[in-house]
Each structure stands twice: as C-alpha cells, then as structure tokens.
Amino acid sequence: MKQPFELKYIKRYLLMYAGVVIVAVLFYFINSTNNPVKVIEKKQFDTQKAERSLSDATESNRSISPFRLLQTGY
C-alpha cells in the first residue's frame, strides 16, 4: 500500500483544494457583478385605527362565517 502522506500526495491535495477555492471565488465575483443587489423599499403601514361600530363588525362577521356559534359556553 502506498503511503498517503508522502510529499507528492500532500501537494496534490493542496492543489486540488486551492483549485476548488479559486473556482468558488470566481463564481462569487461573476455572480455579484452580473446580478446587482436590488434596493427594496420599506413598506409603511397605517397605524391609525379605523373607526367602526360594533354592530357593523358583527353583521359583517355573520354574513361571512358559514358556522353558527352557540350562545353559551360549556
């Protein structure tokens, strides 16, 4: 069996590792130059509460919901 830790095998492993790192860095630079980062605007939400009466809310909920709730809880 050949000794895996001889100098020529260590050089091969290091060269292979360096090649993989160089290819990964090249892909990163090519990708970052061809696909610029888009600036996304922040969404601003309305913080003021809408004025609604309780009767309007219950009427709209009754018309939307197909289920009828019980009047008492057990």
C-alpha atoms as a PDB file:
ATOM      1  CA  MET A   1       0.000   0.000   0.000  1.00  0.00           C
ATOM      2  CA  LYS A   2       1.244   3.447  -0.864  1.00  0.00           C
ATOM      3  CA  GLN A   3       1.865   5.929   1.880  1.00  0.00           C
ATOM      4  CA  PRO A   4      -0.888   8.601   1.593  1.00  0.00           C
ATOM      5  CA  PHE A   5       1.154  11.205   3.463  1.00  0.00           C
ATOM      6  CA  GLU A   6       4.085  11.403   1.077  1.00  0.00           C
ATOM      7  CA  LEU A   7       5.010  14.846  -0.149  1.00  0.00           C
ATOM      8  CA  LYS A   8       3.642  14.403  -3.687  1.00  0.00           C
ATOM      9  CA  TYR A   9       0.207  13.343  -2.392  1.00  0.00           C
ATOM     10  CA  ILE A  10       0.050  16.262   0.027  1.00  0.00           C
ATOM     11  CA  LYS A  11       0.862  18.634  -2.843  1.00  0.00           C
ATOM     12  CA  ARG A  12      -1.943  17.121  -4.930  1.00  0.00           C
ATOM     13  CA  TYR A  13      -4.477  17.561  -2.137  1.00  0.00           C
ATOM     14  CA  LEU A  14      -3.409  21.144  -1.519  1.00  0.00           C
ATOM     15  CA  LEU A  15      -3.539  21.985  -5.234  1.00  0.00           C
ATOM     16  CA  MET A  16      -6.972  20.405  -5.548  1.00  0.00           C
ATOM     17  CA  TYR A  17      -8.215  22.363  -2.506  1.00  0.00           C
ATOM     18  CA  ALA A  18      -6.759  25.611  -3.864  1.00  0.00           C
ATOM     19  CA  GLY A  19      -8.412  24.962  -7.231  1.00  0.00           C
ATOM     20  CA  VAL A  20     -11.814  24.441  -5.629  1.00  0.00           C
ATOM     21  CA  VAL A  21     -11.431  27.650  -3.592  1.00  0.00           C
ATOM     22  CA  ILE A  22     -10.379  29.644  -6.671  1.00  0.00           C
ATOM     23  CA  VAL A  23     -13.351  28.363  -8.680  1.00  0.00           C
ATOM     24  CA  ALA A  24     -15.744  29.228  -5.831  1.00  0.00           C
ATOM     25  CA  VAL A  25     -14.310  32.759  -5.567  1.00  0.00           C
ATOM     26  CA  LEU A  26     -14.576  33.235  -9.335  1.00  0.00           C
ATOM     27  CA  PHE A  27     -18.218  32.140  -9.335  1.00  0.00           C
ATOM     28  CA  TYR A  28     -18.923  34.555  -6.472  1.00  0.00           C
ATOM     29  CA  PHE A  29     -17.377  37.513  -8.306  1.00  0.00           C
ATOM     30  CA  ILE A  30     -19.083  36.670 -11.597  1.00  0.00           C
ATOM     31  CA  ASN A  31     -22.444  36.292  -9.879  1.00  0.00           C
ATOM     32  CA  SER A  32     -22.107  39.528  -7.908  1.00  0.00           C
ATOM     33  CA  THR A  33     -21.163  41.581 -10.988  1.00  0.00           C
ATOM     34  CA  ASN A  34     -23.946  40.218 -13.198  1.00  0.00           C
ATOM     35  CA  ASN A  35     -26.713  40.337 -10.570  1.00  0.00           C
ATOM     36  CA  PRO A  36     -26.639  43.646  -8.707  1.00  0.00           C
ATOM     37  CA  VAL A  37     -28.428  43.830  -5.374  1.00  0.00           C
ATOM     38  CA  LYS A  38     -31.891  45.355  -5.668  1.00  0.00           C
ATOM     39  CA  VAL A  39     -32.918  48.002  -3.167  1.00  0.00           C
ATOM     40  CA  ILE A  40     -36.288  47.144  -1.652  1.00  0.00           C
ATOM     41  CA  GLU A  41     -38.351  49.990  -0.265  1.00  0.00           C
ATOM     42  CA  LYS A  42     -39.742  49.634   3.231  1.00  0.00           C
ATOM     43  CA  LYS A  43     -43.480  49.268   3.462  1.00  0.00           C
ATOM     44  CA  GLN A  44     -45.197  51.786   5.661  1.00  0.00           C
ATOM     45  CA  PHE A  45     -48.318  50.599   7.398  1.00  0.00           C
ATOM     46  CA  ASP A  46     -51.147  52.810   8.539  1.00  0.00           C
ATOM     47  CA  THR A  47     -51.031  52.983  12.333  1.00  0.00           C
ATOM     48  CA  GLN A  48     -54.322  54.798  12.797  1.00  0.00           C
ATOM     49  CA  LYS A  49     -57.236  52.626  13.879  1.00  0.00           C
ATOM     50  CA  ALA A  50     -60.266  52.565  11.655  1.00  0.00           C
ATOM     51  CA  GLU A  51     -63.481  53.754  13.294  1.00  0.00           C
ATOM     52  CA  ARG A  52     -66.160  51.031  13.090  1.00  0.00           C
ATOM     53  CA  SER A  53     -69.129  50.390  15.235  1.00  0.00           C
ATOM     54  CA  LEU A  54     -69.585  47.044  16.968  1.00  0.00           C
ATOM     55  CA  SER A  55     -72.851  46.317  15.196  1.00  0.00           C
ATOM     56  CA  ASP A  56     -71.211  46.719  11.768  1.00  0.00           C
ATOM     57  CA  ALA A  57     -68.468  44.287  12.742  1.00  0.00           C
ATOM     58  CA  THR A  58     -70.866  41.601  13.973  1.00  0.00           C
ATOM     59  CA  GLU A  59     -73.110  41.930  10.925  1.00  0.00           C
ATOM     60  CA  SER A  60     -70.201  41.535   8.547  1.00  0.00           C
ATOM     61  CA  ASN A  61     -68.877  38.548  10.521  1.00  0.00           C
ATOM     62  CA  ARG A  62     -72.289  36.849  10.423  1.00  0.00           C
ATOM     63  CA  SER A  63     -72.533  37.209   6.681  1.00  0.00           C
ATOM     64  CA  ILE A  64     -69.034  35.820   6.117  1.00  0.00           C
ATOM     65  CA  SER A  65     -68.996  32.896   8.559  1.00  0.00           C
ATOM     66  CA  PRO A  66     -70.828  29.721   7.459  1.00  0.00           C
ATOM     67  CA  PHE A  67     -70.867  28.423  11.060  1.00  0.00           C
ATOM     68  CA  ARG A  68     -73.276  29.395  13.806  1.00  0.00           C
ATOM     69  CA  LEU A  69     -71.790  29.767  17.284  1.00  0.00           C
ATOM     70  CA  LEU A  70     -73.569  28.742  20.467  1.00  0.00           C
ATOM     71  CA  GLN A  71     -74.899  31.462  22.765  1.00  0.00           C
ATOM     72  CA  THR A  72     -73.479  29.856  25.918  1.00  0.00           C
ATOM     73  CA  GLY A  73     -70.202  28.165  26.685  1.00  0.00           C
ATOM     74  CA  TYR A  74     -69.999  24.866  28.478  1.00  0.00           C
END
